[in-house]
Amino acid sequence: MRKSGLLIILFILFSSTFSFAREIPFTQEDRDRLIRLEVTLKEFKDSLDRRFEGVDNRFVSIEKRLESIDKRFESIDKRFDQMINLFIGIVASFTAIVAVTIGFAIWDRRTMIRPFESKVKEIEDEIAENRSKLHSLIEAFRSLSKTDSNVAEILKKFNLL
């Protein structure tokens, strides 16, 4: 039973395989169709190549534009550097002018005060030398004011009595 079932299955498989397998002839119409397909594919390929060349040309023009933009940015950077250097120069000049002005004012003030200091020192030394003389002169006027009313009035007027 088993062998007969196996034989039947094999017979069905072989009979179906041979029944569907047949040779399809290649006709003139098929050949023409293939030629038209090849021509269409060639035209499609050519149109794609032209489109890609157009895209490449666009990329080249974009690259040129980007290069010109880069050049502009470089020139702007140079201008900024020049402006920064100019600004630094102006600030340095202003700082130098202010420092020189302050230095001159301090120097002038010291040179102007020195003569007064020396004169004041001389007057102080002279007063120190003549202090005893002034004190004795005031004492003499006080004793004179006891006898003379005019001298007493003058000494009261200057708060010396």
N, C-alpha and C. Protein backbone atom coordinates (compact mmCIF):
# COMPACT_ATOMS: atom_id res chain seq x y z
N MET A 1 0.81 -1.16 0.00
CA MET A 1 0.00 0.00 0.00
C MET A 1 0.87 1.25 0.00
N ARG A 2 1.86 1.12 0.73
CA ARG A 2 2.73 2.25 0.84
C ARG A 2 3.45 2.49 -0.49
N LYS A 3 3.87 1.48 -1.13
CA LYS A 3 4.58 1.60 -2.38
C LYS A 3 3.64 2.10 -3.46
N SER A 4 2.45 1.64 -3.44
CA SER A 4 1.52 2.06 -4.46
C SER A 4 1.16 3.53 -4.30
N GLY A 5 1.06 4.02 -3.05
CA GLY A 5 0.76 5.42 -2.79
C GLY A 5 1.93 6.31 -3.25
N LEU A 6 3.11 5.79 -3.05
CA LEU A 6 4.28 6.52 -3.46
C LEU A 6 4.37 6.57 -4.97
N LEU A 7 4.03 5.49 -5.65
CA LEU A 7 4.05 5.46 -7.11
C LEU A 7 3.00 6.40 -7.67
N ILE A 8 1.88 6.47 -7.06
CA ILE A 8 0.80 7.35 -7.56
C ILE A 8 1.24 8.82 -7.43
N ILE A 9 1.84 9.16 -6.32
CA ILE A 9 2.29 10.53 -6.10
C ILE A 9 3.37 10.90 -7.12
N LEU A 10 4.31 9.99 -7.37
CA LEU A 10 5.36 10.23 -8.34
C LEU A 10 4.77 10.38 -9.74
N PHE A 11 3.79 9.55 -10.09
CA PHE A 11 3.17 9.63 -11.41
C PHE A 11 2.46 10.97 -11.60
N ILE A 12 1.80 11.45 -10.54
CA ILE A 12 1.08 12.73 -10.64
C ILE A 12 2.08 13.87 -10.82
N LEU A 13 3.16 13.82 -10.08
CA LEU A 13 4.17 14.88 -10.17
C LEU A 13 4.80 14.91 -11.56
N PHE A 14 5.19 13.78 -12.10
CA PHE A 14 5.83 13.76 -13.41
C PHE A 14 4.86 14.12 -14.52
N SER A 15 3.62 13.71 -14.40
CA SER A 15 2.67 14.02 -15.46
C SER A 15 2.32 15.52 -15.47
N SER A 16 2.23 16.12 -14.32
CA SER A 16 1.90 17.54 -14.29
C SER A 16 3.07 18.39 -14.77
N THR A 17 4.27 17.99 -14.53
CA THR A 17 5.44 18.74 -14.94
C THR A 17 5.56 18.75 -16.45
N PHE A 18 5.33 17.64 -17.06
CA PHE A 18 5.48 17.57 -18.51
C PHE A 18 4.31 18.22 -19.22
N SER A 19 3.18 18.24 -18.57
CA SER A 19 2.03 18.83 -19.23
C SER A 19 2.12 20.36 -19.30
N PHE A 20 2.74 21.02 -18.30
CA PHE A 20 2.83 22.47 -18.30
C PHE A 20 4.06 22.99 -19.01
N ALA A 21 5.06 22.20 -19.15
CA ALA A 21 6.29 22.65 -19.77
C ALA A 21 6.16 22.59 -21.27
N ARG A 22 6.11 23.75 -21.87
CA ARG A 22 6.09 23.79 -23.32
C ARG A 22 6.95 24.97 -23.75
N GLU A 23 7.46 24.97 -24.89
CA GLU A 23 8.35 25.97 -25.39
C GLU A 23 7.55 27.09 -26.00
N ILE A 24 7.89 28.33 -25.61
CA ILE A 24 7.20 29.50 -26.14
C ILE A 24 8.07 30.05 -27.26
N PRO A 25 7.54 30.19 -28.41
CA PRO A 25 8.35 30.68 -29.53
C PRO A 25 8.58 32.19 -29.40
N PHE A 26 9.75 32.69 -29.87
CA PHE A 26 10.13 34.10 -29.85
C PHE A 26 9.74 34.68 -31.19
N THR A 27 8.76 35.60 -31.18
CA THR A 27 8.21 36.09 -32.45
C THR A 27 8.83 37.42 -32.82
N GLN A 28 8.53 37.87 -34.05
CA GLN A 28 8.99 39.16 -34.55
C GLN A 28 8.42 40.29 -33.71
N GLU A 29 7.20 40.12 -33.27
CA GLU A 29 6.54 41.13 -32.43
C GLU A 29 7.26 41.27 -31.09
N ASP A 30 7.70 40.13 -30.53
CA ASP A 30 8.45 40.19 -29.27
C ASP A 30 9.78 40.90 -29.47
N ARG A 31 10.43 40.61 -30.60
CA ARG A 31 11.69 41.27 -30.90
C ARG A 31 11.50 42.78 -31.06
N ASP A 32 10.46 43.20 -31.77
CA ASP A 32 10.18 44.63 -31.93
C ASP A 32 9.88 45.29 -30.59
N ARG A 33 9.13 44.58 -29.78
CA ARG A 33 8.80 45.10 -28.45
C ARG A 33 10.08 45.30 -27.63
N LEU A 34 11.00 44.34 -27.69
CA LEU A 34 12.26 44.47 -26.96
C LEU A 34 13.09 45.64 -27.49
N ILE A 35 13.10 45.83 -28.79
CA ILE A 35 13.85 46.94 -29.38
C ILE A 35 13.25 48.27 -28.92
N ARG A 36 11.92 48.37 -28.95
CA ARG A 36 11.28 49.60 -28.47
C ARG A 36 11.59 49.84 -26.99
N LEU A 37 11.59 48.77 -26.22
CA LEU A 37 11.90 48.88 -24.79
C LEU A 37 13.34 49.36 -24.59
N GLU A 38 14.25 48.82 -25.39
CA GLU A 38 15.65 49.25 -25.29
C GLU A 38 15.78 50.73 -25.67
N VAL A 39 15.12 51.16 -26.72
CA VAL A 39 15.17 52.56 -27.15
C VAL A 39 14.58 53.46 -26.06
N THR A 40 13.46 53.04 -25.49
CA THR A 40 12.83 53.83 -24.43
C THR A 40 13.75 53.93 -23.21
N LEU A 41 14.37 52.80 -22.87
CA LEU A 41 15.30 52.83 -21.73
C LEU A 41 16.50 53.73 -22.02
N LYS A 42 17.01 53.71 -23.26
CA LYS A 42 18.14 54.57 -23.62
C LYS A 42 17.73 56.04 -23.54
N GLU A 43 16.54 56.36 -24.04
CA GLU A 43 16.06 57.75 -23.96
C GLU A 43 15.88 58.17 -22.50
N PHE A 44 15.35 57.26 -21.69
CA PHE A 44 15.15 57.55 -20.26
C PHE A 44 16.50 57.80 -19.59
N LYS A 45 17.48 56.94 -19.92
CA LYS A 45 18.82 57.10 -19.35
C LYS A 45 19.43 58.43 -19.79
N ASP A 46 19.27 58.79 -21.07
CA ASP A 46 19.80 60.07 -21.55
C ASP A 46 19.14 61.26 -20.85
N SER A 47 17.82 61.17 -20.68
CA SER A 47 17.14 62.28 -19.99
C SER A 47 17.58 62.39 -18.53
N LEU A 48 17.78 61.23 -17.89
CA LEU A 48 18.28 61.25 -16.51
C LEU A 48 19.68 61.84 -16.46
N ASP A 49 20.53 61.49 -17.44
CA ASP A 49 21.89 62.05 -17.47
C ASP A 49 21.84 63.56 -17.64
N ARG A 50 20.95 64.04 -18.53
CA ARG A 50 20.82 65.48 -18.73
C ARG A 50 20.34 66.17 -17.45
N ARG A 51 19.40 65.55 -16.77
CA ARG A 51 18.89 66.13 -15.53
C ARG A 51 19.99 66.18 -14.46
N PHE A 52 20.75 65.09 -14.36
CA PHE A 52 21.84 65.08 -13.39
C PHE A 52 22.91 66.10 -13.74
N GLU A 53 23.17 66.31 -15.03
CA GLU A 53 24.11 67.36 -15.44
C GLU A 53 23.58 68.73 -15.05
N GLY A 54 22.28 68.93 -15.21
CA GLY A 54 21.66 70.20 -14.79
C GLY A 54 21.80 70.40 -13.29
N VAL A 55 21.58 69.33 -12.53
CA VAL A 55 21.73 69.41 -11.07
C VAL A 55 23.19 69.70 -10.72
N ASP A 56 24.11 69.03 -11.42
CA ASP A 56 25.54 69.30 -11.18
C ASP A 56 25.88 70.75 -11.48
N ASN A 57 25.33 71.27 -12.58
CA ASN A 57 25.57 72.68 -12.92
C ASN A 57 25.02 73.61 -11.84
N ARG A 58 23.88 73.24 -11.30
CA ARG A 58 23.30 74.05 -10.22
C ARG A 58 24.20 74.02 -8.98
N PHE A 59 24.73 72.83 -8.67
CA PHE A 59 25.63 72.73 -7.53
C PHE A 59 26.89 73.56 -7.75
N VAL A 60 27.40 73.57 -8.99
CA VAL A 60 28.58 74.37 -9.29
C VAL A 60 28.26 75.86 -9.09
N SER A 61 27.09 76.29 -9.57
CA SER A 61 26.73 77.70 -9.39
C SER A 61 26.52 78.03 -7.91
N ILE A 62 25.97 77.10 -7.16
CA ILE A 62 25.79 77.32 -5.72
C ILE A 62 27.15 77.41 -5.03
N GLU A 63 28.09 76.55 -5.45
CA GLU A 63 29.43 76.60 -4.86
C GLU A 63 30.10 77.94 -5.16
N LYS A 64 29.92 78.45 -6.38
CA LYS A 64 30.48 79.75 -6.72
C LYS A 64 29.87 80.85 -5.85
N ARG A 65 28.57 80.78 -5.65
CA ARG A 65 27.91 81.77 -4.80
C ARG A 65 28.44 81.69 -3.37
N LEU A 66 28.60 80.45 -2.87
CA LEU A 66 29.10 80.29 -1.51
C LEU A 66 30.53 80.81 -1.40
N GLU A 67 31.34 80.62 -2.44
CA GLU A 67 32.71 81.15 -2.41
C GLU A 67 32.68 82.68 -2.38
N SER A 68 31.78 83.29 -3.14
CA SER A 68 31.69 84.75 -3.11
C SER A 68 31.21 85.23 -1.75
N ILE A 69 30.28 84.49 -1.14
CA ILE A 69 29.82 84.86 0.20
C ILE A 69 30.96 84.72 1.20
N ASP A 70 31.77 83.65 1.08
CA ASP A 70 32.92 83.48 1.97
C ASP A 70 33.90 84.65 1.81
N LYS A 71 34.13 85.09 0.58
CA LYS A 71 35.03 86.22 0.35
C LYS A 71 34.47 87.48 1.01
N ARG A 72 33.16 87.66 0.91
CA ARG A 72 32.54 88.84 1.55
C ARG A 72 32.71 88.79 3.06
N PHE A 73 32.48 87.60 3.64
CA PHE A 73 32.66 87.46 5.08
C PHE A 73 34.10 87.73 5.49
N GLU A 74 35.06 87.28 4.68
CA GLU A 74 36.46 87.55 4.99
C GLU A 74 36.74 89.05 4.95
N SER A 75 36.18 89.74 3.96
CA SER A 75 36.40 91.19 3.89
C SER A 75 35.73 91.90 5.07
N ILE A 76 34.56 91.41 5.48
CA ILE A 76 33.89 91.99 6.65
C ILE A 76 34.71 91.74 7.90
N ASP A 77 35.27 90.53 8.03
CA ASP A 77 36.13 90.24 9.18
C ASP A 77 37.35 91.17 9.21
N LYS A 78 37.93 91.42 8.03
CA LYS A 78 39.07 92.33 7.98
C LYS A 78 38.66 93.73 8.42
N ARG A 79 37.49 94.17 7.98
CA ARG A 79 37.00 95.50 8.37
C ARG A 79 36.79 95.57 9.88
N PHE A 80 36.21 94.50 10.46
CA PHE A 80 36.02 94.48 11.91
C PHE A 80 37.37 94.55 12.62
N ASP A 81 38.35 93.81 12.12
CA ASP A 81 39.68 93.87 12.74
C ASP A 81 40.25 95.28 12.65
N GLN A 82 40.08 95.92 11.50
CA GLN A 82 40.57 97.29 11.35
C GLN A 82 39.85 98.24 12.32
N MET A 83 38.54 98.06 12.43
CA MET A 83 37.77 98.93 13.33
C MET A 83 38.17 98.70 14.79
N ILE A 84 38.41 97.45 15.16
CA ILE A 84 38.82 97.15 16.54
C ILE A 84 40.18 97.77 16.81
N ASN A 85 41.10 97.64 15.84
CA ASN A 85 42.42 98.25 16.02
C ASN A 85 42.32 99.77 16.13
N LEU A 86 41.46 100.38 15.32
CA LEU A 86 41.25 101.82 15.40
C LEU A 86 40.68 102.20 16.77
N PHE A 87 39.71 101.43 17.25
CA PHE A 87 39.11 101.70 18.56
C PHE A 87 40.15 101.58 19.66
N ILE A 88 41.00 100.56 19.58
CA ILE A 88 42.05 100.39 20.58
C ILE A 88 43.01 101.58 20.54
N GLY A 89 43.34 102.06 19.34
CA GLY A 89 44.21 103.22 19.21
C GLY A 89 43.59 104.46 19.81
N ILE A 90 42.29 104.66 19.56
CA ILE A 90 41.61 105.83 20.12
C ILE A 90 41.58 105.77 21.63
N VAL A 91 41.26 104.60 22.19
CA VAL A 91 41.22 104.45 23.64
C VAL A 91 42.61 104.67 24.24
N ALA A 92 43.65 104.13 23.59
CA ALA A 92 45.01 104.31 24.10
C ALA A 92 45.41 105.79 24.05
N SER A 93 45.05 106.47 22.97
CA SER A 93 45.37 107.90 22.85
C SER A 93 44.66 108.70 23.94
N PHE A 94 43.38 108.42 24.14
CA PHE A 94 42.62 109.13 25.16
C PHE A 94 43.22 108.88 26.55
N THR A 95 43.58 107.63 26.82
CA THR A 95 44.18 107.30 28.11
C THR A 95 45.50 108.04 28.29
N ALA A 96 46.31 108.09 27.24
CA ALA A 96 47.59 108.80 27.33
C ALA A 96 47.38 110.29 27.56
N ILE A 97 46.42 110.88 26.87
CA ILE A 97 46.14 112.31 27.05
C ILE A 97 45.69 112.60 28.48
N VAL A 98 44.80 111.76 29.00
CA VAL A 98 44.32 111.96 30.37
C VAL A 98 45.47 111.81 31.36
N ALA A 99 46.32 110.77 31.16
CA ALA A 99 47.44 110.55 32.09
C ALA A 99 48.41 111.74 32.05
N VAL A 100 48.71 112.24 30.85
CA VAL A 100 49.61 113.39 30.74
C VAL A 100 49.00 114.62 31.39
N THR A 101 47.72 114.85 31.20
CA THR A 101 47.06 116.01 31.80
C THR A 101 47.09 115.95 33.32
N ILE A 102 46.79 114.78 33.85
CA ILE A 102 46.82 114.62 35.32
C ILE A 102 48.24 114.80 35.84
N GLY A 103 49.21 114.21 35.14
CA GLY A 103 50.61 114.37 35.55
C GLY A 103 51.05 115.82 35.52
N PHE A 104 50.66 116.53 34.47
CA PHE A 104 51.01 117.95 34.38
C PHE A 104 50.37 118.76 35.50
N ALA A 105 49.11 118.44 35.80
CA ALA A 105 48.42 119.17 36.87
C ALA A 105 49.12 118.94 38.21
N ILE A 106 49.51 117.71 38.48
CA ILE A 106 50.20 117.41 39.75
C ILE A 106 51.56 118.11 39.78
N TRP A 107 52.30 118.05 38.71
CA TRP A 107 53.61 118.70 38.65
C TRP A 107 53.47 120.22 38.82
N ASP A 108 52.49 120.80 38.13
CA ASP A 108 52.29 122.24 38.22
C ASP A 108 51.88 122.64 39.63
N ARG A 109 51.04 121.86 40.25
CA ARG A 109 50.59 122.17 41.61
C ARG A 109 51.77 122.15 42.57
N ARG A 110 52.64 121.17 42.45
CA ARG A 110 53.79 121.07 43.35
C ARG A 110 54.77 122.23 43.13
N THR A 111 55.00 122.54 41.86
CA THR A 111 55.94 123.64 41.59
C THR A 111 55.36 124.97 42.02
N MET A 112 54.05 125.10 42.01
CA MET A 112 53.42 126.35 42.41
C MET A 112 53.41 126.48 43.94
N ILE A 113 53.27 125.38 44.62
CA ILE A 113 53.17 125.41 46.09
C ILE A 113 54.55 125.57 46.74
N ARG A 114 55.60 125.09 46.12
CA ARG A 114 56.95 125.16 46.73
C ARG A 114 57.37 126.58 47.12
N PRO A 115 57.18 127.58 46.27
CA PRO A 115 57.57 128.94 46.71
C PRO A 115 56.78 129.41 47.93
N PHE A 116 55.48 129.07 47.96
CA PHE A 116 54.68 129.46 49.13
C PHE A 116 55.14 128.74 50.38
N GLU A 117 55.48 127.47 50.23
CA GLU A 117 55.96 126.72 51.38
C GLU A 117 57.26 127.32 51.92
N SER A 118 58.14 127.69 51.01
CA SER A 118 59.41 128.27 51.49
C SER A 118 59.16 129.63 52.16
N LYS A 119 58.25 130.44 51.60
CA LYS A 119 57.94 131.74 52.22
C LYS A 119 57.30 131.55 53.59
N VAL A 120 56.38 130.61 53.70
CA VAL A 120 55.73 130.34 54.98
C VAL A 120 56.76 129.85 55.99
N LYS A 121 57.68 129.02 55.55
CA LYS A 121 58.72 128.52 56.45
C LYS A 121 59.60 129.66 56.95
N GLU A 122 59.93 130.57 56.04
CA GLU A 122 60.73 131.73 56.45
C GLU A 122 59.98 132.58 57.47
N ILE A 123 58.68 132.80 57.22
CA ILE A 123 57.88 133.61 58.14
C ILE A 123 57.77 132.92 59.49
N GLU A 124 57.60 131.60 59.48
CA GLU A 124 57.51 130.86 60.75
C GLU A 124 58.82 130.96 61.51
N ASP A 125 59.93 130.83 60.79
CA ASP A 125 61.24 130.95 61.45
C ASP A 125 61.43 132.35 62.03
N GLU A 126 61.02 133.36 61.26
CA GLU A 126 61.15 134.74 61.72
C GLU A 126 60.27 134.99 62.94
N ILE A 127 59.06 134.43 62.89
CA ILE A 127 58.16 134.60 64.05
C ILE A 127 58.74 133.91 65.26
N ALA A 128 59.32 132.73 65.05
CA ALA A 128 59.91 131.99 66.17
C ALA A 128 61.07 132.79 66.77
N GLU A 129 61.85 133.44 65.92
CA GLU A 129 62.96 134.24 66.42
C GLU A 129 62.46 135.48 67.17
N ASN A 130 61.43 136.09 66.64
CA ASN A 130 60.94 137.36 67.21
C ASN A 130 59.78 137.16 68.19
N ARG A 131 59.48 135.96 68.57
CA ARG A 131 58.37 135.70 69.49
C ARG A 131 58.59 136.40 70.83
N SER A 132 59.75 136.26 71.32
CA SER A 132 60.02 136.90 72.63
C SER A 132 59.95 138.43 72.51
N LYS A 133 60.43 138.95 71.36
CA LYS A 133 60.37 140.39 71.16
C LYS A 133 58.91 140.85 71.07
N LEU A 134 58.07 140.10 70.34
CA LEU A 134 56.66 140.46 70.23
C LEU A 134 55.97 140.37 71.59
N HIS A 135 56.31 139.33 72.32
CA HIS A 135 55.69 139.18 73.63
C HIS A 135 56.06 140.35 74.56
N SER A 136 57.31 140.72 74.52
CA SER A 136 57.72 141.85 75.36
C SER A 136 57.12 143.16 74.86
N LEU A 137 56.93 143.30 73.50
CA LEU A 137 56.30 144.50 72.94
C LEU A 137 54.85 144.59 73.41
N ILE A 138 54.12 143.47 73.36
CA ILE A 138 52.72 143.46 73.81
C ILE A 138 52.65 143.80 75.30
N GLU A 139 53.56 143.28 76.09
CA GLU A 139 53.59 143.57 77.52
C GLU A 139 53.86 145.08 77.75
N ALA A 140 54.71 145.62 76.89
CA ALA A 140 55.00 147.05 77.02
C ALA A 140 53.76 147.87 76.70
N PHE A 141 53.02 147.49 75.64
CA PHE A 141 51.78 148.20 75.32
C PHE A 141 50.75 148.02 76.42
N ARG A 142 50.70 146.89 77.06
CA ARG A 142 49.74 146.69 78.16
C ARG A 142 50.07 147.60 79.36
N SER A 143 51.33 147.69 79.64
CA SER A 143 51.70 148.57 80.77
C SER A 143 51.45 150.03 80.39
N LEU A 144 51.66 150.37 79.11
CA LEU A 144 51.38 151.72 78.64
C LEU A 144 49.89 152.00 78.67
N SER A 145 49.06 150.94 78.41
CA SER A 145 47.61 151.12 78.38
C SER A 145 47.06 151.47 79.76
N LYS A 146 47.81 151.18 80.81
CA LYS A 146 47.37 151.52 82.15
C LYS A 146 47.41 153.04 82.36
N THR A 147 48.30 153.67 81.69
CA THR A 147 48.42 155.12 81.84
C THR A 147 47.77 155.87 80.70
N ASP A 148 47.69 155.23 79.50
CA ASP A 148 47.14 155.92 78.32
C ASP A 148 45.87 155.20 77.89
N SER A 149 44.75 155.97 77.86
CA SER A 149 43.46 155.36 77.51
C SER A 149 43.36 155.07 76.01
N ASN A 150 44.04 155.83 75.18
CA ASN A 150 44.02 155.58 73.72
C ASN A 150 44.66 154.23 73.40
N VAL A 151 45.76 153.93 74.02
CA VAL A 151 46.44 152.65 73.80
C VAL A 151 45.57 151.52 74.32
N ALA A 152 44.88 151.74 75.43
CA ALA A 152 44.00 150.71 75.99
C ALA A 152 42.87 150.40 75.03
N GLU A 153 42.31 151.44 74.42
CA GLU A 153 41.23 151.23 73.44
C GLU A 153 41.71 150.42 72.25
N ILE A 154 42.86 150.73 71.73
CA ILE A 154 43.41 150.01 70.57
C ILE A 154 43.68 148.56 70.93
N LEU A 155 44.25 148.30 72.08
CA LEU A 155 44.53 146.91 72.48
C LEU A 155 43.23 146.13 72.68
N LYS A 156 42.16 146.77 73.19
CA LYS A 156 40.86 146.09 73.34
C LYS A 156 40.26 145.81 71.98
N LYS A 157 40.49 146.76 71.05
CA LYS A 157 39.94 146.58 69.71
C LYS A 157 40.55 145.35 69.05
N PHE A 158 41.82 145.02 69.29
CA PHE A 158 42.50 143.86 68.70
C PHE A 158 42.58 142.68 69.65
N ASN A 159 41.79 142.71 70.71
CA ASN A 159 41.70 141.62 71.69
C ASN A 159 43.07 141.25 72.26
N LEU A 160 43.87 142.23 72.53
CA LEU A 160 45.18 142.00 73.13
C LEU A 160 45.19 142.38 74.62
N LEU A 161 44.14 142.89 75.11
CA LEU A 161 44.08 143.30 76.52
C LEU A 161 43.11 142.46 77.27
